[in-house]
N, C-alpha and C. Protein backbone atom coordinates (compact mmCIF):
# COMPACT_ATOMS: atom_id res chain seq x y z
N MET A 1 95.78 -1.87 -34.79
CA MET A 1 96.20 -0.76 -33.40
C MET A 1 95.62 -1.19 -32.62
N LYS A 2 96.05 -1.75 -31.34
CA LYS A 2 95.76 -1.58 -29.45
C LYS A 2 95.03 -0.13 -29.38
N LYS A 3 94.01 -0.62 -29.33
CA LYS A 3 93.77 1.03 -28.06
C LYS A 3 93.65 0.90 -26.17
N ASP A 4 93.83 2.37 -26.16
CA ASP A 4 94.57 2.09 -25.50
C ASP A 4 92.90 2.04 -24.34
N LEU A 5 92.57 1.59 -23.28
CA LEU A 5 91.40 1.15 -22.76
C LEU A 5 91.94 1.98 -21.14
N THR A 6 90.76 2.98 -20.50
CA THR A 6 90.64 3.65 -19.23
C THR A 6 90.36 2.44 -18.42
N ILE A 7 90.04 3.23 -17.48
CA ILE A 7 89.62 2.45 -15.84
C ILE A 7 88.51 2.95 -16.71
N ALA A 8 87.70 3.17 -16.54
CA ALA A 8 85.37 3.63 -16.94
C ALA A 8 85.59 2.58 -17.91
N GLU A 9 86.11 3.11 -19.54
CA GLU A 9 86.16 1.61 -19.82
C GLU A 9 86.05 0.48 -19.80
N ALA A 10 87.06 0.09 -18.99
CA ALA A 10 87.40 -0.91 -18.83
C ALA A 10 85.84 -1.32 -17.80
N GLN A 11 85.92 -0.45 -16.72
CA GLN A 11 84.86 -1.03 -15.74
C GLN A 11 83.35 -1.57 -16.36
N ALA A 12 83.44 -1.19 -17.65
CA ALA A 12 82.39 -0.45 -18.92
C ALA A 12 82.38 -2.01 -19.34
N GLN A 13 82.87 -2.28 -19.83
CA GLN A 13 83.13 -3.39 -20.75
C GLN A 13 82.78 -4.76 -19.83
N VAL A 14 83.46 -4.58 -18.64
CA VAL A 14 83.55 -5.84 -18.12
C VAL A 14 81.90 -5.73 -16.98
N ASP A 15 81.01 -5.35 -16.89
CA ASP A 15 80.17 -4.67 -17.03
C ASP A 15 79.20 -5.37 -17.87
N GLU A 16 79.43 -5.06 -19.14
CA GLU A 16 78.47 -5.88 -20.10
C GLU A 16 78.95 -6.87 -20.65
N TRP A 17 80.10 -7.71 -20.06
CA TRP A 17 79.59 -9.03 -20.02
C TRP A 17 79.40 -9.51 -19.18
N ILE A 18 79.37 -8.83 -18.13
CA ILE A 18 78.98 -9.88 -16.91
C ILE A 18 77.23 -10.11 -17.46
N LYS A 19 76.64 -9.10 -18.04
CA LYS A 19 75.31 -8.82 -18.21
C LYS A 19 75.04 -9.63 -19.03
N THR A 20 75.70 -9.87 -20.43
CA THR A 20 75.43 -10.54 -21.84
C THR A 20 76.43 -11.59 -21.68
N ILE A 21 77.38 -12.34 -21.03
CA ILE A 21 77.90 -13.73 -21.36
C ILE A 21 77.66 -13.77 -20.07
N GLY A 22 77.98 -13.73 -19.24
CA GLY A 22 78.74 -14.17 -17.90
C GLY A 22 77.26 -14.12 -17.27
N VAL A 23 76.06 -13.82 -17.59
CA VAL A 23 74.50 -13.66 -17.01
C VAL A 23 74.36 -13.23 -15.99
N ARG A 24 75.14 -13.06 -14.97
CA ARG A 24 75.01 -11.60 -13.57
C ARG A 24 76.25 -11.70 -12.46
N TYR A 25 76.44 -11.50 -12.06
CA TYR A 25 77.59 -11.04 -11.30
C TYR A 25 77.45 -12.41 -9.40
N PHE A 26 78.71 -12.56 -9.67
CA PHE A 26 78.73 -13.40 -8.53
C PHE A 26 78.70 -12.73 -7.06
N ASN A 27 78.17 -13.05 -6.31
CA ASN A 27 77.61 -12.29 -5.05
C ASN A 27 78.72 -11.49 -4.66
N GLU A 28 79.28 -10.81 -3.70
CA GLU A 28 80.32 -9.85 -3.24
C GLU A 28 81.50 -10.34 -2.33
N LEU A 29 80.82 -11.64 -1.39
CA LEU A 29 81.41 -12.47 -1.00
C LEU A 29 82.16 -13.64 -1.62
N THR A 30 81.60 -13.96 -2.78
CA THR A 30 82.01 -14.89 -3.64
C THR A 30 83.40 -13.95 -4.64
N ASN A 31 83.26 -12.88 -5.07
CA ASN A 31 83.64 -13.08 -5.67
C ASN A 31 84.89 -12.56 -4.98
N MET A 32 84.87 -11.55 -3.62
CA MET A 32 85.99 -11.54 -2.53
C MET A 32 87.18 -12.64 -2.67
N THR A 33 86.37 -13.87 -2.29
CA THR A 33 86.91 -15.06 -2.74
C THR A 33 87.86 -15.45 -3.63
N ILE A 34 86.71 -15.13 -4.91
CA ILE A 34 87.16 -15.65 -5.80
C ILE A 34 89.14 -14.68 -6.40
N LEU A 35 89.08 -13.75 -5.51
CA LEU A 35 90.04 -12.13 -5.92
C LEU A 35 90.72 -13.02 -4.98
N THR A 36 90.67 -13.67 -3.70
CA THR A 36 92.20 -14.11 -3.02
C THR A 36 92.77 -15.13 -3.48
N GLU A 37 91.67 -15.54 -4.42
CA GLU A 37 92.38 -16.81 -5.45
C GLU A 37 93.46 -16.11 -6.42
N GLU A 38 92.69 -15.32 -7.04
CA GLU A 38 93.54 -14.86 -8.50
C GLU A 38 94.59 -14.33 -8.12
N VAL A 39 94.45 -13.76 -7.08
CA VAL A 39 96.06 -13.53 -6.15
C VAL A 39 97.32 -14.47 -6.07
N GLY A 40 96.48 -15.42 -5.48
CA GLY A 40 97.26 -16.67 -4.98
C GLY A 40 97.30 -17.00 -6.48
N GLU A 41 97.24 -17.02 -7.22
CA GLU A 41 97.57 -18.26 -8.64
C GLU A 41 99.00 -16.94 -8.94
N LEU A 42 98.51 -16.32 -9.18
CA LEU A 42 99.78 -14.79 -9.48
C LEU A 42 101.26 -14.91 -8.48
N ALA A 43 100.55 -15.22 -7.44
CA ALA A 43 102.11 -15.09 -6.16
C ALA A 43 102.01 -16.23 -6.63
N ARG A 44 101.75 -17.69 -6.66
CA ARG A 44 102.36 -18.73 -7.91
C ARG A 44 103.54 -18.63 -8.75
N ILE A 45 102.85 -18.09 -9.63
CA ILE A 45 103.83 -17.96 -10.59
C ILE A 45 105.30 -17.25 -10.50
N MET A 46 104.81 -15.75 -9.39
CA MET A 46 106.18 -15.06 -8.72
C MET A 46 107.04 -15.93 -8.02
N ALA A 47 106.90 -16.32 -7.48
CA ALA A 47 107.40 -16.80 -6.78
C ALA A 47 108.35 -18.19 -7.41
N ARG A 48 107.74 -18.84 -8.83
CA ARG A 48 108.36 -19.45 -9.35
C ARG A 48 109.42 -18.68 -10.35
N LYS A 49 108.85 -17.88 -11.28
CA LYS A 49 110.02 -16.65 -11.97
C LYS A 49 110.28 -15.92 -11.78
N TYR A 50 110.02 -15.16 -10.22
CA TYR A 50 111.30 -14.47 -10.35
C TYR A 50 111.86 -14.72 -8.63
N GLY A 51 111.52 -15.59 -7.53
CA GLY A 51 112.02 -16.18 -6.56
C GLY A 51 112.31 -17.89 -6.24
N GLU A 52 112.13 -18.28 -5.61
CA GLU A 52 113.25 -19.50 -5.64
C GLU A 52 112.79 -20.85 -5.96
N GLN A 53 111.60 -20.49 -5.78
CA GLN A 53 110.56 -22.01 -6.36
C GLN A 53 111.38 -23.06 -8.06
N SER A 54 110.64 -23.93 -7.79
CA SER A 54 110.74 -23.83 -9.18
C SER A 54 109.24 -24.31 -10.14
N PHE A 55 109.42 -24.14 -10.70
CA PHE A 55 108.26 -24.46 -11.69
C PHE A 55 107.69 -26.28 -11.61
N LYS A 56 106.26 -25.84 -11.18
CA LYS A 56 106.05 -27.98 -11.23
C LYS A 56 104.96 -28.20 -13.34
N GLU A 57 104.72 -28.94 -13.43
CA GLU A 57 104.21 -29.36 -14.91
C GLU A 57 103.04 -27.93 -14.50
N SER A 58 102.15 -28.96 -13.64
CA SER A 58 100.63 -27.34 -13.54
C SER A 58 101.30 -26.13 -14.40
N ASP A 59 101.78 -25.72 -14.04
CA ASP A 59 102.65 -24.20 -14.35
C ASP A 59 102.80 -23.67 -15.22
N LYS A 60 103.22 -24.99 -15.98
CA LYS A 60 103.89 -24.16 -17.14
C LYS A 60 102.52 -24.07 -17.88
N GLY A 61 103.40 -22.69 -18.88
CA GLY A 61 101.95 -22.37 -19.39
C GLY A 61 101.21 -20.98 -18.93
N ALA A 62 101.11 -21.11 -17.84
CA ALA A 62 100.79 -19.98 -16.65
C ALA A 62 101.68 -18.42 -17.39
N GLU A 63 100.94 -17.55 -17.38
CA GLU A 63 101.22 -16.33 -18.37
C GLU A 63 100.98 -15.09 -16.78
N LEU A 64 102.27 -14.54 -16.61
CA LEU A 64 102.63 -13.10 -15.67
C LEU A 64 100.99 -12.60 -16.07
N GLY A 65 101.46 -11.95 -17.25
CA GLY A 65 100.29 -10.23 -17.07
C GLY A 65 98.83 -11.40 -17.55
N ASP A 66 98.75 -13.11 -17.51
CA ASP A 66 97.53 -13.51 -17.68
C ASP A 66 96.73 -13.31 -16.49
N GLU A 67 97.34 -13.59 -15.29
CA GLU A 67 97.04 -14.05 -13.95
C GLU A 67 96.91 -12.60 -12.88
N MET A 68 97.73 -11.41 -14.23
CA MET A 68 97.05 -10.28 -13.14
C MET A 68 95.98 -9.85 -13.89
N ALA A 69 95.66 -10.08 -15.21
CA ALA A 69 94.37 -9.26 -15.59
C ALA A 69 93.00 -10.07 -15.02
N ASP A 70 93.52 -11.66 -14.55
CA ASP A 70 92.88 -12.18 -13.73
C ASP A 70 92.15 -11.31 -12.68
N VAL A 71 92.82 -10.60 -11.80
CA VAL A 71 92.99 -10.07 -10.48
C VAL A 71 92.66 -8.90 -10.98
N LEU A 72 92.72 -8.24 -11.82
CA LEU A 72 92.06 -6.71 -12.97
C LEU A 72 90.66 -6.94 -12.52
N TRP A 73 90.21 -8.05 -13.31
CA TRP A 73 88.81 -8.10 -13.95
C TRP A 73 88.33 -8.59 -12.38
N VAL A 74 88.38 -8.79 -11.50
CA VAL A 74 87.75 -9.63 -10.36
C VAL A 74 87.65 -8.67 -9.73
N LEU A 75 88.76 -7.30 -9.51
CA LEU A 75 88.53 -6.46 -8.66
C LEU A 75 87.62 -4.95 -9.27
N ILE A 76 87.55 -5.07 -10.71
CA ILE A 76 87.13 -4.57 -11.34
C ILE A 76 84.79 -4.95 -10.62
N CYS A 77 85.16 -6.39 -10.48
CA CYS A 77 84.03 -6.72 -10.57
C CYS A 77 83.12 -6.45 -9.67
N LEU A 78 84.08 -6.40 -8.50
CA LEU A 78 83.63 -5.44 -7.10
C LEU A 78 83.67 -4.37 -6.95
N ALA A 79 84.37 -3.27 -8.29
CA ALA A 79 83.86 -2.29 -7.79
C ALA A 79 82.70 -1.76 -8.07
N ASN A 80 82.34 -2.32 -9.77
CA ASN A 80 80.61 -2.32 -10.12
C ASN A 80 79.87 -2.89 -9.46
N GLN A 81 79.95 -3.94 -8.49
CA GLN A 81 78.99 -4.42 -8.31
C GLN A 81 78.74 -3.41 -6.43
N THR A 82 79.61 -2.38 -6.15
CA THR A 82 79.35 -1.80 -4.80
C THR A 82 79.56 -0.63 -5.33
N GLY A 83 79.76 0.19 -6.74
CA GLY A 83 79.77 1.46 -6.63
C GLY A 83 80.85 2.13 -6.72
N VAL A 84 81.64 1.58 -6.58
CA VAL A 84 83.23 2.21 -7.10
C VAL A 84 83.11 2.47 -8.08
N ASP A 85 83.79 3.90 -8.45
CA ASP A 85 84.71 4.12 -9.16
C ASP A 85 85.47 4.22 -9.15
N LEU A 86 86.86 3.23 -10.05
CA LEU A 86 87.80 2.88 -10.22
C LEU A 86 88.67 3.96 -10.20
N THR A 87 88.36 4.97 -11.80
CA THR A 87 89.14 6.19 -11.78
C THR A 87 89.66 6.78 -10.66
N GLU A 88 88.32 7.36 -10.24
CA GLU A 88 87.78 8.26 -8.77
C GLU A 88 88.87 8.36 -7.91
N ALA A 89 88.55 6.50 -7.52
CA ALA A 89 89.34 6.60 -6.23
C ALA A 89 91.20 6.01 -6.11
N LEU A 90 91.39 5.38 -7.58
CA LEU A 90 92.32 5.78 -8.04
C LEU A 90 93.46 7.09 -7.91
N GLN A 91 92.49 8.10 -8.41
CA GLN A 91 93.30 9.77 -8.34
C GLN A 91 93.29 10.11 -6.65
N LYS A 92 92.14 9.29 -6.09
CA LYS A 92 92.12 9.68 -4.93
C LYS A 92 93.74 9.63 -3.64
N ASN A 93 93.74 7.83 -4.31
CA ASN A 93 94.65 6.87 -3.66
C ASN A 93 96.17 8.07 -4.16
N ILE A 94 96.55 8.08 -5.02
CA ILE A 94 97.84 8.90 -5.59
C ILE A 94 97.96 10.05 -4.83
N GLU A 95 96.46 10.82 -4.42
CA GLU A 95 97.04 11.84 -4.48
C GLU A 95 97.38 12.15 -2.53
N LYS A 96 96.65 10.66 -1.90
CA LYS A 96 96.32 10.63 -0.40
C LYS A 96 98.61 10.08 -0.66
N LYS A 97 98.46 9.45 -1.30
CA LYS A 97 99.80 8.64 -0.88
C LYS A 97 101.45 9.70 -1.23
N THR A 98 100.86 10.40 -1.99
CA THR A 98 101.54 11.81 -2.47
C THR A 98 101.71 12.48 -1.67
N LYS A 99 100.82 12.51 -0.30
CA LYS A 99 100.37 13.77 0.60
C LYS A 99 101.06 13.30 1.43
N ARG A 100 100.97 12.10 1.48
CA ARG A 100 101.92 11.53 3.13
C ARG A 100 103.18 11.00 2.62
N ASP A 101 103.52 9.66 2.02
CA ASP A 101 104.69 9.81 1.44
C ASP A 101 105.71 10.60 1.02
N LYS A 102 105.80 12.10 0.46
CA LYS A 102 106.60 12.25 0.02
C LYS A 102 107.75 12.85 0.13
N ASP A 103 108.55 12.29 1.74
CA ASP A 103 110.18 12.64 1.51
C ASP A 103 109.72 11.20 2.12
N ARG A 104 109.08 10.40 2.49
CA ARG A 104 109.15 8.80 3.73
C ARG A 104 110.32 8.78 2.69
N HIS A 105 109.81 7.95 1.40
CA HIS A 105 110.64 7.19 0.69
C HIS A 105 112.11 7.91 0.19
N LYS A 106 112.35 8.96 -0.22
CA LYS A 106 113.12 9.96 -0.39
C LYS A 106 114.19 9.31 0.93
N ASP A 107 113.91 9.91 1.95
CA ASP A 107 114.98 9.98 2.75
C ASP A 107 114.96 8.33 4.02
N ASN A 108 114.49 7.26 2.86
CA ASN A 108 114.81 5.75 3.15
C ASN A 108 115.92 5.53 2.73
N GLU A 109 116.86 5.03 4.41
CA GLU A 109 118.24 4.83 3.66
C GLU A 109 118.42 3.85 3.44
N LYS A 110 117.37 2.12 3.09
CA LYS A 110 117.18 0.95 2.82
C LYS A 110 117.08 1.27 1.21
N LEU A 111 116.45 2.67 0.42
CA LEU A 111 116.51 2.55 -0.41
C LEU A 111 117.58 2.73 -1.34
N LYS A 112 118.86 3.24 -0.55
CA LYS A 112 119.28 4.37 -0.85
C LYS A 112 120.33 3.33 -2.05
């Protein structure tokens, strides 16, 4: 049975993997560049699966979930390197969006 993974547990697991298997973190600027690259790979699959672009031979076998996990992995690395608690940051972000946008979207005629 698959165990649910909290964000804090994910941050700890990535940190442990980096320190035991990955040797060390790439520096923050390198990881930012890798994050951009991974988002691009995700965008490529999204454009082919949900957009008008057709799959290239090199795209075959790419899985959306795996591409999203690559993005999450590097984001977690950046959070670990910069001392960001993603659980706390996400909770604060949800609160901010809730306060700021509580009426914004329901009053948007484009969404009705």
